[in-house]
Amino acid sequence: METYNKSVLEYADVRRCFDFAKHEARQEGIYEIAQKCVQEGMSFDLIVKLTGLSAEEIRDIDALKAFG
């Protein structure tokens, strides 16, 4: 029974790692899209609506475009 419990816990750990990695990849993709929208001059309100990011996050991306 102890082996079974250990394997269930290990599976849960792997699943959490997978879910976290998937979430991070999705967030990274959203930021890349928002960055391209900012570069194209799209309005902040539309970028917020399309990406779900906050206006503050979009302003941070806009501020970063000056650096490269």
N, C-alpha and C. Protein backbone atom coordinates (compact mmCIF):
# COMPACT_ATOMS: atom_id res chain seq x y z
N MET A 1 0.82 -1.19 0.00
CA MET A 1 0.00 0.00 0.00
C MET A 1 0.87 1.26 0.00
N GLU A 2 2.00 1.19 0.70
CA GLU A 2 2.90 2.35 0.77
C GLU A 2 3.46 2.69 -0.61
N THR A 3 3.78 1.69 -1.40
CA THR A 3 4.28 1.92 -2.76
C THR A 3 3.23 2.61 -3.61
N TYR A 4 1.99 2.15 -3.46
CA TYR A 4 0.90 2.77 -4.21
C TYR A 4 0.75 4.24 -3.83
N ASN A 5 0.74 4.53 -2.54
CA ASN A 5 0.60 5.92 -2.08
C ASN A 5 1.74 6.79 -2.60
N LYS A 6 2.93 6.23 -2.58
CA LYS A 6 4.09 6.97 -3.08
C LYS A 6 3.94 7.26 -4.57
N SER A 7 3.48 6.29 -5.33
CA SER A 7 3.32 6.51 -6.77
C SER A 7 2.22 7.53 -7.06
N VAL A 8 1.17 7.53 -6.26
CA VAL A 8 0.10 8.53 -6.43
C VAL A 8 0.65 9.93 -6.16
N LEU A 9 1.44 10.07 -5.12
CA LEU A 9 2.04 11.38 -4.80
C LEU A 9 3.02 11.81 -5.89
N GLU A 10 3.81 10.87 -6.40
CA GLU A 10 4.75 11.20 -7.48
C GLU A 10 4.00 11.64 -8.73
N TYR A 11 2.91 10.94 -9.06
CA TYR A 11 2.10 11.33 -10.20
C TYR A 11 1.54 12.73 -10.01
N ALA A 12 1.05 13.02 -8.82
CA ALA A 12 0.50 14.36 -8.54
C ALA A 12 1.57 15.43 -8.71
N ASP A 13 2.79 15.14 -8.27
CA ASP A 13 3.89 16.10 -8.43
C ASP A 13 4.20 16.34 -9.91
N VAL A 14 4.26 15.26 -10.68
CA VAL A 14 4.54 15.39 -12.11
C VAL A 14 3.42 16.17 -12.79
N ARG A 15 2.20 15.88 -12.42
CA ARG A 15 1.05 16.57 -13.02
C ARG A 15 1.09 18.07 -12.71
N ARG A 16 1.42 18.43 -11.47
CA ARG A 16 1.52 19.85 -11.10
C ARG A 16 2.63 20.53 -11.89
N CYS A 17 3.75 19.86 -12.07
CA CYS A 17 4.85 20.42 -12.86
C CYS A 17 4.42 20.64 -14.30
N PHE A 18 3.74 19.66 -14.87
CA PHE A 18 3.24 19.77 -16.24
C PHE A 18 2.26 20.93 -16.37
N ASP A 19 1.31 21.01 -15.46
CA ASP A 19 0.31 22.09 -15.51
C ASP A 19 0.97 23.45 -15.38
N PHE A 20 1.96 23.57 -14.50
CA PHE A 20 2.67 24.83 -14.32
C PHE A 20 3.41 25.21 -15.60
N ALA A 21 4.11 24.25 -16.21
CA ALA A 21 4.86 24.52 -17.44
C ALA A 21 3.92 24.93 -18.57
N LYS A 22 2.78 24.28 -18.66
CA LYS A 22 1.79 24.62 -19.68
C LYS A 22 1.27 26.04 -19.47
N HIS A 23 0.99 26.39 -18.23
CA HIS A 23 0.51 27.73 -17.90
C HIS A 23 1.57 28.78 -18.25
N GLU A 24 2.82 28.50 -17.89
CA GLU A 24 3.91 29.45 -18.17
C GLU A 24 4.09 29.64 -19.67
N ALA A 25 4.01 28.57 -20.43
CA ALA A 25 4.15 28.67 -21.89
C ALA A 25 3.02 29.48 -22.48
N ARG A 26 1.82 29.28 -21.98
CA ARG A 26 0.67 30.04 -22.46
C ARG A 26 0.84 31.53 -22.15
N GLN A 27 1.27 31.83 -20.94
CA GLN A 27 1.49 33.23 -20.55
C GLN A 27 2.57 33.88 -21.41
N GLU A 28 3.63 33.13 -21.68
CA GLU A 28 4.70 33.66 -22.51
C GLU A 28 4.18 33.99 -23.91
N GLY A 29 3.34 33.12 -24.44
CA GLY A 29 2.74 33.36 -25.75
C GLY A 29 1.85 34.59 -25.75
N ILE A 30 1.09 34.77 -24.69
CA ILE A 30 0.21 35.94 -24.59
C ILE A 30 1.04 37.22 -24.55
N TYR A 31 2.14 37.21 -23.80
CA TYR A 31 3.01 38.38 -23.72
C TYR A 31 3.64 38.68 -25.08
N GLU A 32 4.02 37.64 -25.83
CA GLU A 32 4.61 37.85 -27.15
C GLU A 32 3.59 38.48 -28.10
N ILE A 33 2.36 38.01 -28.03
CA ILE A 33 1.31 38.58 -28.87
C ILE A 33 1.05 40.03 -28.48
N ALA A 34 0.98 40.30 -27.19
CA ALA A 34 0.75 41.67 -26.72
C ALA A 34 1.89 42.58 -27.16
N GLN A 35 3.09 42.07 -27.10
CA GLN A 35 4.25 42.86 -27.52
C GLN A 35 4.15 43.22 -29.00
N LYS A 36 3.74 42.28 -29.83
CA LYS A 36 3.57 42.54 -31.26
C LYS A 36 2.45 43.55 -31.50
N CYS A 37 1.38 43.44 -30.72
CA CYS A 37 0.27 44.40 -30.85
C CYS A 37 0.73 45.81 -30.51
N VAL A 38 1.53 45.94 -29.45
CA VAL A 38 2.07 47.25 -29.06
C VAL A 38 2.94 47.79 -30.18
N GLN A 39 3.80 46.94 -30.73
CA GLN A 39 4.70 47.36 -31.81
C GLN A 39 3.92 47.83 -33.04
N GLU A 40 2.77 47.23 -33.27
CA GLU A 40 1.94 47.60 -34.41
C GLU A 40 1.06 48.83 -34.14
N GLY A 41 1.13 49.32 -32.91
CA GLY A 41 0.38 50.53 -32.57
C GLY A 41 -1.08 50.30 -32.23
N MET A 42 -1.43 49.08 -31.90
CA MET A 42 -2.81 48.77 -31.53
C MET A 42 -3.16 49.48 -30.21
N SER A 43 -4.40 49.84 -30.04
CA SER A 43 -4.80 50.56 -28.83
C SER A 43 -4.67 49.67 -27.59
N PHE A 44 -4.35 50.32 -26.47
CA PHE A 44 -4.19 49.59 -25.21
C PHE A 44 -5.48 48.87 -24.83
N ASP A 45 -6.61 49.55 -25.01
CA ASP A 45 -7.89 48.94 -24.64
C ASP A 45 -8.14 47.66 -25.42
N LEU A 46 -7.82 47.67 -26.71
CA LEU A 46 -8.03 46.48 -27.53
C LEU A 46 -7.07 45.36 -27.12
N ILE A 47 -5.82 45.70 -26.84
CA ILE A 47 -4.85 44.69 -26.41
C ILE A 47 -5.29 44.06 -25.09
N VAL A 48 -5.77 44.88 -24.17
CA VAL A 48 -6.28 44.37 -22.89
C VAL A 48 -7.44 43.42 -23.14
N LYS A 49 -8.35 43.82 -24.00
CA LYS A 49 -9.53 43.00 -24.29
C LYS A 49 -9.14 41.67 -24.94
N LEU A 50 -8.21 41.70 -25.87
CA LEU A 50 -7.85 40.50 -26.60
C LEU A 50 -6.96 39.54 -25.81
N THR A 51 -6.08 40.07 -24.98
CA THR A 51 -5.11 39.23 -24.27
C THR A 51 -5.52 38.87 -22.85
N GLY A 52 -6.36 39.70 -22.24
CA GLY A 52 -6.71 39.48 -20.85
C GLY A 52 -5.67 40.03 -19.88
N LEU A 53 -4.62 40.66 -20.43
CA LEU A 53 -3.61 41.28 -19.57
C LEU A 53 -4.17 42.59 -19.02
N SER A 54 -3.60 43.06 -17.94
CA SER A 54 -4.04 44.33 -17.37
C SER A 54 -3.43 45.49 -18.16
N ALA A 55 -4.04 46.67 -18.02
CA ALA A 55 -3.51 47.86 -18.68
C ALA A 55 -2.09 48.14 -18.19
N GLU A 56 -1.83 47.87 -16.92
CA GLU A 56 -0.50 48.09 -16.37
C GLU A 56 0.53 47.17 -17.05
N GLU A 57 0.15 45.92 -17.28
CA GLU A 57 1.06 44.99 -17.95
C GLU A 57 1.35 45.45 -19.38
N ILE A 58 0.34 45.97 -20.05
CA ILE A 58 0.52 46.47 -21.42
C ILE A 58 1.43 47.70 -21.40
N ARG A 59 1.24 48.57 -20.43
CA ARG A 59 2.12 49.76 -20.32
C ARG A 59 3.56 49.34 -20.07
N ASP A 60 3.76 48.29 -19.27
CA ASP A 60 5.12 47.79 -19.02
C ASP A 60 5.74 47.27 -20.33
N ILE A 61 4.95 46.57 -21.12
CA ILE A 61 5.44 46.08 -22.41
C ILE A 61 5.78 47.26 -23.32
N ASP A 62 4.91 48.26 -23.31
CA ASP A 62 5.15 49.46 -24.14
C ASP A 62 6.42 50.17 -23.69
N ALA A 63 6.67 50.24 -22.40
CA ALA A 63 7.88 50.88 -21.88
C ALA A 63 9.12 50.11 -22.29
N LEU A 64 9.01 48.80 -22.38
CA LEU A 64 10.16 47.95 -22.73
C LEU A 64 10.53 48.07 -24.21
N LYS A 65 9.57 48.46 -25.06
CA LYS A 65 9.89 48.51 -26.49
C LYS A 65 10.96 49.56 -26.80
N ALA A 66 11.13 50.54 -25.93
CA ALA A 66 12.17 51.54 -26.12
C ALA A 66 13.56 50.93 -25.99
N PHE A 67 13.64 49.77 -25.30
CA PHE A 67 14.94 49.13 -25.08
C PHE A 67 15.27 48.08 -26.12
N GLY A 68 14.41 47.90 -27.09
CA GLY A 68 14.82 46.95 -28.09
C GLY A 68 13.74 46.17 -28.66
